[in-house]
């Protein structure tokens, strides 16, 4: 996880023993130790804890991912006589001179979307093709099999909504403000506003955003 003494910069910080494949990391990002990324877009300021496994995913900005999280868990071909990977990793076992590219393409097409300013709790599993809305919280150990609405808190196996973080009008204003798209300089200039209560923050920043109650 992020160290108290650590200073992050625009260049992504990748901890030791990570395997990053076909992935793009945004500014001020941090990847924890022993992480595996494959086909991932990792938004600005997002970070992961230790031992995370992320595949075929779009991760929003300012996403907080605790240790041992699994995002985009891939599937085996349950419709075949065997689920073993020798049917699609054919070269490995000498059964063919090429792998089952169509199978891998189907898996990669099932993108998982994690919204901005989300918190994915320790050991959570998010299945492929799921969409997690902005500002949502996924509880530790949850298994998410359905889309999660913005600013919802979900937990359990399978994950179910417990409550919304804020009232509907506040959520709409936050979605309209889109502070996660502000520049580094604008966030720094308005840093103290992020320490305010939520009602004061949205009333201060939603004006002129085009939102109509």
N, C-alpha and C. Protein backbone atom coordinates (compact mmCIF):
# COMPACT_ATOMS: atom_id res chain seq x y z
N UNK A 1 0.84 -1.20 0.00
CA UNK A 1 0.00 0.00 0.00
C UNK A 1 0.88 1.25 0.00
N UNK A 2 0.25 2.42 -0.11
CA UNK A 2 1.01 3.66 -0.18
C UNK A 2 1.70 3.95 1.16
N UNK A 3 3.00 4.21 1.08
CA UNK A 3 3.78 4.49 2.28
C UNK A 3 3.59 5.94 2.69
N UNK A 4 3.70 6.19 4.02
CA UNK A 4 3.54 7.54 4.54
C UNK A 4 4.59 8.48 3.98
N UNK A 5 5.81 7.98 3.78
CA UNK A 5 6.92 8.81 3.35
C UNK A 5 7.06 8.87 1.84
N UNK A 6 6.25 8.14 1.13
CA UNK A 6 6.39 8.03 -0.32
C UNK A 6 5.90 9.29 -1.01
N UNK A 7 6.56 9.66 -2.11
CA UNK A 7 6.12 10.79 -2.94
C UNK A 7 5.88 10.25 -4.35
N UNK A 8 4.67 10.44 -4.85
CA UNK A 8 4.35 9.99 -6.19
C UNK A 8 4.49 11.14 -7.18
N UNK A 9 4.81 10.78 -8.41
CA UNK A 9 4.98 11.75 -9.48
C UNK A 9 4.15 11.31 -10.69
N UNK A 10 4.21 12.07 -11.77
CA UNK A 10 3.43 11.72 -12.97
C UNK A 10 3.82 10.34 -13.49
N UNK A 11 5.10 10.03 -13.39
CA UNK A 11 5.55 8.72 -13.84
C UNK A 11 4.97 7.63 -12.91
N UNK A 12 4.29 6.62 -13.45
CA UNK A 12 3.71 5.58 -12.60
C UNK A 12 4.76 4.90 -11.72
N UNK A 13 4.36 4.55 -10.52
CA UNK A 13 5.24 3.82 -9.59
C UNK A 13 4.81 2.36 -9.59
N UNK A 14 5.70 1.49 -10.03
CA UNK A 14 5.41 0.05 -10.08
C UNK A 14 6.31 -0.64 -9.06
N UNK A 15 5.69 -1.30 -8.10
CA UNK A 15 6.45 -1.98 -7.05
C UNK A 15 7.14 -3.23 -7.61
N UNK A 16 7.90 -3.89 -6.76
CA UNK A 16 8.68 -5.05 -7.21
C UNK A 16 7.78 -6.25 -7.52
N UNK A 17 8.33 -7.12 -8.36
CA UNK A 17 7.69 -8.39 -8.68
C UNK A 17 6.29 -8.24 -9.27
N UNK A 18 6.15 -7.26 -10.16
CA UNK A 18 4.88 -7.08 -10.87
C UNK A 18 5.01 -7.54 -12.32
N UNK A 19 3.90 -7.95 -12.87
CA UNK A 19 3.86 -8.38 -14.27
C UNK A 19 2.79 -7.53 -14.96
N UNK A 20 3.23 -6.60 -15.81
CA UNK A 20 2.33 -5.65 -16.46
C UNK A 20 2.35 -5.92 -17.96
N UNK A 21 1.21 -6.38 -18.51
CA UNK A 21 1.15 -6.75 -19.92
C UNK A 21 0.07 -5.95 -20.64
N UNK A 22 0.42 -5.36 -21.77
CA UNK A 22 -0.53 -4.67 -22.63
C UNK A 22 -1.44 -3.74 -21.82
N UNK A 23 -0.84 -2.93 -20.98
CA UNK A 23 -1.61 -2.06 -20.07
C UNK A 23 -1.06 -0.64 -20.11
N UNK A 24 -1.94 0.31 -19.82
CA UNK A 24 -1.57 1.72 -19.79
C UNK A 24 -1.84 2.27 -18.40
N UNK A 25 -0.82 2.88 -17.80
CA UNK A 25 -0.93 3.43 -16.45
C UNK A 25 -0.92 4.95 -16.53
N UNK A 26 -1.88 5.57 -15.83
CA UNK A 26 -1.99 7.02 -15.84
C UNK A 26 -0.99 7.70 -14.93
N UNK A 27 -1.12 9.02 -14.83
CA UNK A 27 -0.23 9.84 -13.98
C UNK A 27 -0.51 9.58 -12.51
N UNK A 28 0.53 9.65 -11.70
CA UNK A 28 0.43 9.53 -10.24
C UNK A 28 -0.20 8.19 -9.81
N UNK A 29 0.00 7.17 -10.59
CA UNK A 29 -0.54 5.86 -10.24
C UNK A 29 0.49 5.05 -9.47
N UNK A 30 -0.01 4.06 -8.70
CA UNK A 30 0.87 3.16 -7.97
C UNK A 30 0.33 1.74 -8.07
N UNK A 31 1.23 0.82 -8.40
CA UNK A 31 0.90 -0.60 -8.47
C UNK A 31 1.64 -1.31 -7.34
N UNK A 32 0.89 -1.99 -6.47
CA UNK A 32 1.48 -2.66 -5.32
C UNK A 32 2.31 -3.87 -5.69
N UNK A 33 3.02 -4.42 -4.72
CA UNK A 33 3.91 -5.55 -4.99
C UNK A 33 3.11 -6.79 -5.41
N UNK A 34 3.75 -7.61 -6.25
CA UNK A 34 3.17 -8.88 -6.71
C UNK A 34 1.80 -8.69 -7.37
N UNK A 35 1.69 -7.65 -8.21
CA UNK A 35 0.47 -7.43 -8.99
C UNK A 35 0.63 -8.00 -10.39
N UNK A 36 -0.50 -8.40 -10.96
CA UNK A 36 -0.55 -8.85 -12.35
C UNK A 36 -1.60 -8.04 -13.09
N UNK A 37 -1.18 -7.33 -14.14
CA UNK A 37 -2.08 -6.54 -14.99
C UNK A 37 -2.01 -7.09 -16.41
N UNK A 38 -3.17 -7.29 -17.03
CA UNK A 38 -3.22 -7.69 -18.42
C UNK A 38 -4.41 -7.00 -19.10
N UNK A 39 -4.13 -6.26 -20.16
CA UNK A 39 -5.17 -5.54 -20.90
C UNK A 39 -5.94 -4.59 -19.97
N UNK A 40 -5.20 -3.70 -19.34
CA UNK A 40 -5.77 -2.80 -18.34
C UNK A 40 -5.45 -1.34 -18.69
N UNK A 41 -6.45 -0.47 -18.59
CA UNK A 41 -6.25 0.98 -18.59
C UNK A 41 -6.45 1.45 -17.16
N UNK A 42 -5.41 2.01 -16.58
CA UNK A 42 -5.38 2.35 -15.16
C UNK A 42 -5.36 3.86 -15.02
N UNK A 43 -6.48 4.45 -14.54
CA UNK A 43 -6.64 5.89 -14.54
C UNK A 43 -5.71 6.64 -13.61
N UNK A 44 -5.56 7.94 -13.87
CA UNK A 44 -4.70 8.81 -13.06
C UNK A 44 -5.04 8.69 -11.57
N UNK A 45 -4.01 8.67 -10.74
CA UNK A 45 -4.11 8.64 -9.28
C UNK A 45 -4.67 7.33 -8.72
N UNK A 46 -4.98 6.35 -9.57
CA UNK A 46 -5.45 5.07 -9.06
C UNK A 46 -4.29 4.29 -8.44
N UNK A 47 -4.62 3.41 -7.50
CA UNK A 47 -3.55 2.58 -6.91
C UNK A 47 -4.12 1.23 -6.50
N UNK A 48 -3.21 0.26 -6.41
CA UNK A 48 -3.55 -1.07 -5.90
C UNK A 48 -2.66 -1.42 -4.72
N UNK A 49 -3.21 -2.24 -3.84
CA UNK A 49 -2.41 -2.83 -2.77
C UNK A 49 -1.67 -4.06 -3.29
N UNK A 50 -1.21 -4.89 -2.37
CA UNK A 50 -0.42 -6.06 -2.71
C UNK A 50 -1.28 -7.18 -3.31
N UNK A 51 -0.66 -7.98 -4.17
CA UNK A 51 -1.24 -9.24 -4.65
C UNK A 51 -2.58 -9.06 -5.37
N UNK A 52 -2.70 -8.03 -6.19
CA UNK A 52 -3.90 -7.84 -6.99
C UNK A 52 -3.73 -8.44 -8.37
N UNK A 53 -4.83 -8.90 -8.94
CA UNK A 53 -4.82 -9.57 -10.24
C UNK A 53 -5.93 -8.92 -11.07
N UNK A 54 -5.53 -8.20 -12.12
CA UNK A 54 -6.49 -7.39 -12.89
C UNK A 54 -6.35 -7.72 -14.37
N UNK A 55 -7.46 -8.10 -15.01
CA UNK A 55 -7.45 -8.43 -16.43
C UNK A 55 -8.62 -7.76 -17.15
N UNK A 56 -8.34 -7.33 -18.38
CA UNK A 56 -9.40 -6.85 -19.28
C UNK A 56 -10.30 -5.82 -18.59
N UNK A 57 -9.68 -4.77 -18.10
CA UNK A 57 -10.42 -3.81 -17.27
C UNK A 57 -10.08 -2.37 -17.61
N UNK A 58 -11.09 -1.51 -17.43
CA UNK A 58 -10.94 -0.06 -17.50
C UNK A 58 -11.11 0.46 -16.08
N UNK A 59 -10.04 0.97 -15.51
CA UNK A 59 -10.05 1.45 -14.12
C UNK A 59 -10.08 2.97 -14.13
N UNK A 60 -11.04 3.55 -13.43
CA UNK A 60 -11.18 5.00 -13.41
C UNK A 60 -10.09 5.71 -12.63
N UNK A 61 -10.18 7.03 -12.63
CA UNK A 61 -9.24 7.86 -11.88
C UNK A 61 -9.55 7.82 -10.38
N UNK A 62 -8.51 7.97 -9.57
CA UNK A 62 -8.64 8.03 -8.12
C UNK A 62 -9.29 6.75 -7.55
N UNK A 63 -9.08 5.63 -8.20
CA UNK A 63 -9.63 4.37 -7.72
C UNK A 63 -8.73 3.79 -6.64
N UNK A 64 -9.34 3.38 -5.53
CA UNK A 64 -8.62 2.86 -4.37
C UNK A 64 -8.85 1.35 -4.30
N UNK A 65 -7.82 0.57 -4.60
CA UNK A 65 -7.97 -0.88 -4.67
C UNK A 65 -7.11 -1.53 -3.59
N UNK A 66 -7.76 -2.19 -2.67
CA UNK A 66 -7.08 -2.81 -1.53
C UNK A 66 -6.32 -4.07 -1.97
N UNK A 67 -5.53 -4.66 -1.07
CA UNK A 67 -4.78 -5.87 -1.43
C UNK A 67 -5.67 -7.06 -1.79
N UNK A 68 -5.11 -7.93 -2.61
CA UNK A 68 -5.69 -9.23 -2.94
C UNK A 68 -7.02 -9.14 -3.68
N UNK A 69 -7.21 -8.07 -4.41
CA UNK A 69 -8.43 -7.89 -5.20
C UNK A 69 -8.27 -8.57 -6.56
N UNK A 70 -9.35 -9.17 -7.04
CA UNK A 70 -9.38 -9.81 -8.37
C UNK A 70 -10.42 -9.10 -9.22
N UNK A 71 -9.98 -8.48 -10.31
CA UNK A 71 -10.88 -7.75 -11.19
C UNK A 71 -10.86 -8.38 -12.58
N UNK A 72 -12.05 -8.69 -13.10
CA UNK A 72 -12.14 -9.30 -14.42
C UNK A 72 -11.75 -10.76 -14.41
N UNK A 73 -12.16 -11.46 -13.37
CA UNK A 73 -11.81 -12.89 -13.25
C UNK A 73 -12.24 -13.63 -14.51
N UNK A 74 -11.30 -14.29 -15.18
CA UNK A 74 -11.60 -14.95 -16.44
C UNK A 74 -12.26 -16.31 -16.22
N UNK A 75 -12.91 -16.81 -17.26
CA UNK A 75 -13.69 -18.04 -17.13
C UNK A 75 -13.07 -19.19 -17.92
N UNK A 76 -13.47 -20.39 -17.56
CA UNK A 76 -13.11 -21.59 -18.31
C UNK A 76 -14.30 -21.98 -19.20
N UNK A 77 -14.05 -22.77 -20.25
CA UNK A 77 -15.13 -23.15 -21.17
C UNK A 77 -16.00 -24.27 -20.59
N UNK A 78 -16.98 -23.89 -19.79
CA UNK A 78 -17.81 -24.88 -19.10
C UNK A 78 -18.69 -25.67 -20.05
N UNK A 79 -18.85 -25.17 -21.28
CA UNK A 79 -19.71 -25.86 -22.24
C UNK A 79 -18.98 -27.00 -22.97
N UNK A 80 -17.66 -27.10 -22.76
CA UNK A 80 -16.88 -28.13 -23.43
C UNK A 80 -16.82 -29.41 -22.58
N UNK A 81 -16.45 -30.53 -23.20
CA UNK A 81 -16.33 -31.77 -22.43
C UNK A 81 -15.36 -31.66 -21.25
N UNK A 82 -14.33 -30.81 -21.40
CA UNK A 82 -13.42 -30.53 -20.29
C UNK A 82 -13.22 -29.02 -20.18
N UNK A 83 -13.04 -28.56 -18.95
CA UNK A 83 -12.78 -27.13 -18.73
C UNK A 83 -11.28 -26.83 -18.70
N UNK A 84 -10.46 -27.86 -18.75
CA UNK A 84 -9.01 -27.68 -18.64
C UNK A 84 -8.49 -26.82 -19.79
N UNK A 85 -7.41 -26.08 -19.50
CA UNK A 85 -6.92 -25.13 -20.51
C UNK A 85 -6.14 -25.76 -21.65
N UNK A 86 -6.01 -27.09 -21.67
CA UNK A 86 -5.35 -27.68 -22.84
C UNK A 86 -6.17 -27.48 -24.11
N UNK A 87 -7.50 -27.20 -23.96
CA UNK A 87 -8.33 -27.01 -25.16
C UNK A 87 -8.13 -25.63 -25.78
N UNK A 88 -7.58 -24.67 -25.02
CA UNK A 88 -7.32 -23.36 -25.61
C UNK A 88 -5.86 -22.93 -25.54
N UNK A 89 -5.09 -23.51 -24.61
CA UNK A 89 -3.63 -23.31 -24.61
C UNK A 89 -2.99 -24.55 -25.27
N UNK A 90 -3.29 -24.72 -26.51
CA UNK A 90 -2.97 -25.96 -27.21
C UNK A 90 -1.48 -26.16 -27.43
N UNK A 91 -0.77 -25.06 -27.74
CA UNK A 91 0.67 -25.16 -27.98
C UNK A 91 1.41 -25.69 -26.76
N UNK A 92 0.98 -25.28 -25.58
CA UNK A 92 1.65 -25.66 -24.35
C UNK A 92 1.75 -27.17 -24.19
N UNK A 93 0.73 -27.85 -24.67
CA UNK A 93 0.66 -29.31 -24.49
C UNK A 93 0.99 -30.09 -25.77
N UNK A 94 1.34 -29.36 -26.83
CA UNK A 94 1.69 -30.02 -28.07
C UNK A 94 0.51 -30.57 -28.84
N UNK A 95 -0.71 -30.04 -28.59
CA UNK A 95 -1.89 -30.53 -29.30
C UNK A 95 -2.14 -29.79 -30.61
N UNK A 96 -1.50 -28.65 -30.80
CA UNK A 96 -1.69 -27.86 -32.02
C UNK A 96 -0.51 -26.91 -32.12
N UNK A 97 -0.36 -26.31 -33.33
CA UNK A 97 0.73 -25.34 -33.49
C UNK A 97 0.27 -23.91 -33.21
N UNK A 98 -0.99 -23.74 -32.78
CA UNK A 98 -1.47 -22.43 -32.36
C UNK A 98 -2.57 -22.61 -31.31
N UNK A 99 -2.76 -21.56 -30.49
CA UNK A 99 -3.77 -21.60 -29.44
C UNK A 99 -5.15 -21.22 -30.00
N UNK A 100 -6.15 -21.34 -29.17
CA UNK A 100 -7.52 -21.02 -29.55
C UNK A 100 -7.72 -19.51 -29.43
N UNK A 101 -7.33 -18.78 -30.46
CA UNK A 101 -7.38 -17.32 -30.43
C UNK A 101 -8.81 -16.80 -30.24
N UNK A 102 -9.77 -17.47 -30.83
CA UNK A 102 -11.16 -17.02 -30.71
C UNK A 102 -11.63 -17.05 -29.25
N UNK A 103 -11.23 -18.07 -28.53
CA UNK A 103 -11.59 -18.17 -27.12
C UNK A 103 -10.99 -17.01 -26.33
N UNK A 104 -9.71 -16.72 -26.56
CA UNK A 104 -9.05 -15.63 -25.85
C UNK A 104 -9.66 -14.28 -26.21
N UNK A 105 -10.02 -14.10 -27.46
CA UNK A 105 -10.65 -12.84 -27.87
C UNK A 105 -12.00 -12.64 -27.19
N UNK A 106 -12.76 -13.72 -27.02
CA UNK A 106 -14.04 -13.62 -26.31
C UNK A 106 -13.80 -13.21 -24.86
N UNK A 107 -12.79 -13.79 -24.23
CA UNK A 107 -12.52 -13.42 -22.84
C UNK A 107 -12.11 -11.95 -22.73
N UNK A 108 -11.25 -11.50 -23.64
CA UNK A 108 -10.77 -10.13 -23.59
C UNK A 108 -11.88 -9.12 -23.86
N UNK A 109 -12.89 -9.52 -24.61
CA UNK A 109 -13.98 -8.60 -24.96
C UNK A 109 -14.91 -8.32 -23.78
N UNK A 110 -14.87 -9.15 -22.76
CA UNK A 110 -15.73 -8.95 -21.58
C UNK A 110 -15.05 -7.99 -20.61
N UNK A 111 -15.09 -6.71 -20.95
CA UNK A 111 -14.41 -5.69 -20.17
C UNK A 111 -15.13 -5.43 -18.85
N UNK A 112 -14.35 -5.22 -17.82
CA UNK A 112 -14.87 -4.79 -16.53
C UNK A 112 -14.56 -3.30 -16.38
N UNK A 113 -15.55 -2.52 -15.96
CA UNK A 113 -15.40 -1.08 -15.82
C UNK A 113 -15.53 -0.67 -14.35
N UNK A 114 -14.48 -0.02 -13.86
CA UNK A 114 -14.48 0.48 -12.48
C UNK A 114 -14.49 1.99 -12.55
N UNK A 115 -15.49 2.62 -11.95
CA UNK A 115 -15.66 4.07 -12.05
C UNK A 115 -14.61 4.86 -11.29
N UNK A 116 -14.73 6.17 -11.39
CA UNK A 116 -13.81 7.09 -10.72
C UNK A 116 -14.10 7.16 -9.22
N UNK A 117 -13.06 7.40 -8.45
CA UNK A 117 -13.18 7.60 -7.00
C UNK A 117 -13.91 6.45 -6.32
N UNK A 118 -13.61 5.24 -6.72
CA UNK A 118 -14.20 4.05 -6.14
C UNK A 118 -13.26 3.42 -5.12
N UNK A 119 -13.82 2.60 -4.25
CA UNK A 119 -13.02 1.87 -3.25
C UNK A 119 -13.40 0.41 -3.34
N UNK A 120 -12.42 -0.41 -3.71
CA UNK A 120 -12.62 -1.85 -3.82
C UNK A 120 -11.93 -2.50 -2.63
N UNK A 121 -12.71 -3.10 -1.73
CA UNK A 121 -12.20 -3.60 -0.47
C UNK A 121 -11.35 -4.86 -0.60
N UNK A 122 -10.64 -5.16 0.48
CA UNK A 122 -9.68 -6.26 0.54
C UNK A 122 -10.32 -7.59 0.10
N UNK A 123 -9.65 -8.23 -0.86
CA UNK A 123 -10.07 -9.57 -1.27
C UNK A 123 -11.33 -9.64 -2.09
N UNK A 124 -11.85 -8.51 -2.56
CA UNK A 124 -13.07 -8.52 -3.37
C UNK A 124 -12.79 -9.14 -4.74
N UNK A 125 -13.81 -9.74 -5.32
CA UNK A 125 -13.73 -10.31 -6.66
C UNK A 125 -14.81 -9.67 -7.51
N UNK A 126 -14.40 -9.12 -8.64
CA UNK A 126 -15.35 -8.48 -9.56
C UNK A 126 -15.31 -9.25 -10.87
N UNK A 127 -16.44 -9.81 -11.24
CA UNK A 127 -16.52 -10.69 -12.39
C UNK A 127 -16.42 -9.90 -13.70
N UNK A 128 -16.07 -10.57 -14.81
CA UNK A 128 -15.92 -9.88 -16.09
C UNK A 128 -17.23 -9.29 -16.59
N UNK A 129 -17.12 -8.15 -17.26
CA UNK A 129 -18.30 -7.51 -17.84
C UNK A 129 -19.09 -6.65 -16.88
N UNK A 130 -18.65 -6.57 -15.62
CA UNK A 130 -19.35 -5.79 -14.60
C UNK A 130 -18.97 -4.31 -14.71
N UNK A 131 -19.94 -3.44 -14.37
CA UNK A 131 -19.69 -2.00 -14.32
C UNK A 131 -19.91 -1.50 -12.89
N UNK A 132 -18.88 -0.89 -12.34
CA UNK A 132 -18.95 -0.29 -11.00
C UNK A 132 -19.04 1.22 -11.18
N UNK A 133 -20.12 1.83 -10.69
CA UNK A 133 -20.33 3.26 -10.88
C UNK A 133 -19.36 4.12 -10.10
N UNK A 134 -19.27 5.38 -10.49
CA UNK A 134 -18.41 6.35 -9.80
C UNK A 134 -18.75 6.41 -8.32
N UNK A 135 -17.73 6.54 -7.49
CA UNK A 135 -17.93 6.75 -6.06
C UNK A 135 -18.45 5.56 -5.29
N UNK A 136 -18.52 4.39 -5.93
CA UNK A 136 -19.06 3.22 -5.25
C UNK A 136 -18.03 2.58 -4.33
N UNK A 137 -18.54 1.83 -3.35
CA UNK A 137 -17.70 1.08 -2.40
C UNK A 137 -18.08 -0.39 -2.50
N UNK A 138 -17.07 -1.24 -2.69
CA UNK A 138 -17.27 -2.68 -2.69
C UNK A 138 -16.62 -3.23 -1.43
N UNK A 139 -17.41 -3.87 -0.57
CA UNK A 139 -16.92 -4.34 0.71
C UNK A 139 -15.88 -5.45 0.59
N UNK A 140 -15.08 -5.59 1.63
CA UNK A 140 -14.05 -6.63 1.66
C UNK A 140 -14.67 -8.01 1.48
N UNK A 141 -14.04 -8.81 0.63
CA UNK A 141 -14.49 -10.17 0.42
C UNK A 141 -15.72 -10.33 -0.43
N UNK A 142 -16.26 -9.25 -0.95
CA UNK A 142 -17.47 -9.32 -1.77
C UNK A 142 -17.17 -9.99 -3.11
N UNK A 143 -18.19 -10.63 -3.66
CA UNK A 143 -18.12 -11.17 -5.01
C UNK A 143 -19.19 -10.46 -5.83
N UNK A 144 -18.73 -9.61 -6.75
CA UNK A 144 -19.66 -8.74 -7.50
C UNK A 144 -20.02 -9.41 -8.82
N UNK A 145 -21.30 -9.75 -8.96
CA UNK A 145 -21.79 -10.44 -10.15
C UNK A 145 -22.78 -9.60 -10.95
N UNK A 146 -23.15 -8.42 -10.40
CA UNK A 146 -24.07 -7.51 -11.09
C UNK A 146 -23.51 -6.10 -11.03
N UNK A 147 -23.95 -5.26 -11.97
CA UNK A 147 -23.50 -3.87 -12.00
C UNK A 147 -23.83 -3.17 -10.68
N UNK A 148 -22.98 -2.21 -10.33
CA UNK A 148 -23.14 -1.46 -9.08
C UNK A 148 -23.38 0.01 -9.42
N UNK A 149 -24.45 0.58 -8.88
CA UNK A 149 -24.79 1.97 -9.17
C UNK A 149 -23.81 2.93 -8.52
N UNK A 150 -23.72 4.12 -9.09
CA UNK A 150 -22.83 5.16 -8.57
C UNK A 150 -23.12 5.46 -7.11
N UNK A 151 -22.07 5.61 -6.34
CA UNK A 151 -22.14 5.98 -4.92
C UNK A 151 -22.93 5.00 -4.07
N UNK A 152 -22.99 3.75 -4.51
CA UNK A 152 -23.60 2.69 -3.71
C UNK A 152 -22.52 1.99 -2.88
N UNK A 153 -22.93 1.43 -1.76
CA UNK A 153 -22.07 0.56 -0.96
C UNK A 153 -22.64 -0.84 -1.06
N UNK A 154 -21.83 -1.78 -1.56
CA UNK A 154 -22.28 -3.16 -1.71
C UNK A 154 -21.35 -4.08 -0.93
N UNK A 155 -21.88 -5.22 -0.50
CA UNK A 155 -21.08 -6.19 0.23
C UNK A 155 -21.76 -7.55 0.15
N UNK A 156 -20.99 -8.61 0.45
CA UNK A 156 -21.57 -9.94 0.53
C UNK A 156 -21.26 -10.81 -0.68
N UNK A 157 -21.75 -12.05 -0.60
CA UNK A 157 -21.56 -13.05 -1.66
C UNK A 157 -22.91 -13.66 -1.99
N UNK A 158 -23.49 -13.35 -3.14
CA UNK A 158 -23.04 -12.30 -4.07
C UNK A 158 -23.30 -10.92 -3.48
N UNK A 159 -22.58 -9.92 -3.99
CA UNK A 159 -22.68 -8.57 -3.44
C UNK A 159 -24.07 -7.99 -3.65
N UNK A 160 -24.59 -7.34 -2.59
CA UNK A 160 -25.88 -6.66 -2.65
C UNK A 160 -25.73 -5.26 -2.06
N UNK A 161 -26.57 -4.34 -2.55
CA UNK A 161 -26.48 -2.97 -2.07
C UNK A 161 -26.93 -2.88 -0.62
N UNK A 162 -26.13 -2.18 0.17
CA UNK A 162 -26.46 -1.91 1.57
C UNK A 162 -27.13 -0.54 1.69
N UNK A 163 -26.53 0.44 1.04
CA UNK A 163 -27.10 1.79 1.06
C UNK A 163 -26.36 2.65 0.05
N UNK A 164 -26.86 3.87 -0.16
CA UNK A 164 -26.17 4.87 -0.95
C UNK A 164 -25.33 5.74 -0.01
N UNK A 165 -24.22 6.21 -0.51
CA UNK A 165 -23.36 7.06 0.32
C UNK A 165 -24.01 8.41 0.60
N UNK A 166 -24.71 8.95 -0.39
CA UNK A 166 -25.31 10.27 -0.26
C UNK A 166 -26.73 10.25 -0.80
N UNK A 167 -27.47 11.33 -0.56
CA UNK A 167 -28.80 11.49 -1.13
C UNK A 167 -28.69 11.64 -2.64
N UNK A 168 -29.78 11.33 -3.34
CA UNK A 168 -29.78 11.33 -4.80
C UNK A 168 -29.36 12.67 -5.39
N UNK A 169 -29.83 13.77 -4.80
CA UNK A 169 -29.50 15.08 -5.34
C UNK A 169 -28.01 15.36 -5.24
N UNK A 170 -27.38 14.92 -4.16
CA UNK A 170 -25.94 15.11 -3.99
C UNK A 170 -25.17 14.27 -5.01
N UNK A 171 -25.61 13.05 -5.22
CA UNK A 171 -24.96 12.17 -6.19
C UNK A 171 -25.01 12.78 -7.59
N UNK A 172 -26.17 13.32 -7.97
CA UNK A 172 -26.30 13.93 -9.29
C UNK A 172 -25.37 15.14 -9.43
N UNK A 173 -25.25 15.90 -8.37
CA UNK A 173 -24.35 17.06 -8.43
C UNK A 173 -22.90 16.62 -8.55
N UNK A 174 -22.50 15.60 -7.79
CA UNK A 174 -21.12 15.10 -7.88
C UNK A 174 -20.82 14.56 -9.28
N UNK A 175 -21.78 13.83 -9.85
CA UNK A 175 -21.58 13.30 -11.20
C UNK A 175 -21.47 14.43 -12.22
N UNK A 176 -22.14 15.54 -11.95
CA UNK A 176 -22.08 16.68 -12.85
C UNK A 176 -20.78 17.47 -12.69
N UNK A 177 -20.33 17.60 -11.45
CA UNK A 177 -19.08 18.33 -11.19
C UNK A 177 -17.89 17.63 -11.83
N UNK A 178 -17.85 16.29 -11.74
CA UNK A 178 -16.75 15.49 -12.29
C UNK A 178 -15.38 16.01 -11.85
N UNK A 179 -15.22 16.20 -10.54
CA UNK A 179 -13.97 16.75 -10.04
C UNK A 179 -12.76 15.88 -10.41
N UNK A 180 -12.99 14.59 -10.65
CA UNK A 180 -11.89 13.68 -10.99
C UNK A 180 -11.25 14.02 -12.33
N UNK A 181 -11.91 14.85 -13.12
CA UNK A 181 -11.32 15.29 -14.39
C UNK A 181 -10.60 16.63 -14.27
N UNK A 182 -10.58 17.19 -13.07
CA UNK A 182 -9.83 18.43 -12.87
C UNK A 182 -8.34 18.18 -13.07
N UNK A 183 -7.64 19.22 -13.43
CA UNK A 183 -6.19 19.13 -13.55
C UNK A 183 -5.54 19.01 -12.17
N UNK A 184 -4.31 18.56 -12.15
CA UNK A 184 -3.55 18.49 -10.89
C UNK A 184 -3.55 19.86 -10.22
N UNK A 185 -3.33 20.89 -11.01
CA UNK A 185 -3.24 22.25 -10.45
C UNK A 185 -4.56 22.69 -9.83
N UNK A 186 -5.69 22.35 -10.50
CA UNK A 186 -6.99 22.76 -9.96
C UNK A 186 -7.29 22.00 -8.67
N UNK A 187 -6.95 20.74 -8.62
CA UNK A 187 -7.16 19.97 -7.38
C UNK A 187 -6.32 20.56 -6.25
N UNK A 188 -5.08 20.89 -6.58
CA UNK A 188 -4.20 21.46 -5.56
C UNK A 188 -4.72 22.81 -5.06
N UNK A 189 -5.20 23.65 -5.99
CA UNK A 189 -5.73 24.96 -5.62
C UNK A 189 -6.98 24.84 -4.75
N UNK A 190 -7.75 23.78 -4.97
CA UNK A 190 -9.00 23.59 -4.22
C UNK A 190 -8.89 22.48 -3.17
N UNK A 191 -7.68 22.15 -2.79
CA UNK A 191 -7.46 21.02 -1.89
C UNK A 191 -8.29 21.11 -0.61
N UNK A 192 -8.33 22.27 0.00
CA UNK A 192 -9.04 22.42 1.28
C UNK A 192 -10.55 22.16 1.14
N UNK A 193 -11.06 22.33 -0.06
CA UNK A 193 -12.49 22.07 -0.25
C UNK A 193 -12.82 20.58 -0.11
N UNK A 194 -11.84 19.72 -0.37
CA UNK A 194 -12.07 18.28 -0.23
C UNK A 194 -12.12 17.85 1.24
N UNK A 195 -11.82 18.76 2.14
CA UNK A 195 -11.91 18.49 3.57
C UNK A 195 -13.22 18.99 4.16
N UNK A 196 -14.04 19.62 3.33
CA UNK A 196 -15.34 20.14 3.78
C UNK A 196 -16.38 19.03 3.84
N UNK A 197 -17.51 19.32 4.46
CA UNK A 197 -18.63 18.37 4.40
C UNK A 197 -19.16 18.32 2.98
N UNK A 198 -19.82 17.24 2.64
CA UNK A 198 -20.21 16.98 1.24
C UNK A 198 -21.17 18.04 0.70
N UNK A 199 -22.12 18.50 1.52
CA UNK A 199 -23.08 19.49 1.04
C UNK A 199 -22.41 20.80 0.68
N UNK A 200 -21.45 21.23 1.50
CA UNK A 200 -20.73 22.47 1.21
C UNK A 200 -19.90 22.32 -0.06
N UNK A 201 -19.27 21.16 -0.21
CA UNK A 201 -18.44 20.92 -1.40
C UNK A 201 -19.27 21.00 -2.68
N UNK A 202 -20.39 20.29 -2.72
CA UNK A 202 -21.16 20.28 -3.98
C UNK A 202 -21.80 21.63 -4.24
N UNK A 203 -22.25 22.31 -3.20
CA UNK A 203 -22.86 23.63 -3.41
C UNK A 203 -21.83 24.64 -3.92
N UNK A 204 -20.58 24.45 -3.51
CA UNK A 204 -19.53 25.37 -3.94
C UNK A 204 -19.10 25.11 -5.38
N UNK A 205 -19.17 23.87 -5.82
CA UNK A 205 -18.55 23.53 -7.10
C UNK A 205 -19.52 23.13 -8.21
N UNK A 206 -20.77 22.92 -7.89
CA UNK A 206 -21.65 22.47 -8.97
C UNK A 206 -22.23 23.62 -9.78
N UNK A 207 -22.13 24.84 -9.28
CA UNK A 207 -22.69 25.99 -9.98
C UNK A 207 -22.06 26.13 -11.36
N UNK A 208 -22.88 26.28 -12.37
CA UNK A 208 -22.39 26.44 -13.73
C UNK A 208 -22.07 25.13 -14.41
N UNK A 209 -22.35 24.01 -13.74
CA UNK A 209 -22.05 22.70 -14.32
C UNK A 209 -23.12 22.23 -15.30
N UNK A 210 -24.24 22.93 -15.35
CA UNK A 210 -25.32 22.54 -16.24
C UNK A 210 -26.34 21.64 -15.58
N UNK A 211 -26.17 21.38 -14.30
CA UNK A 211 -27.12 20.48 -13.60
C UNK A 211 -28.41 21.22 -13.29
N UNK A 212 -29.53 20.54 -13.51
CA UNK A 212 -30.84 21.09 -13.15
C UNK A 212 -31.55 20.12 -12.24
N UNK A 213 -32.02 20.60 -11.11
CA UNK A 213 -32.74 19.73 -10.18
C UNK A 213 -34.12 19.39 -10.74
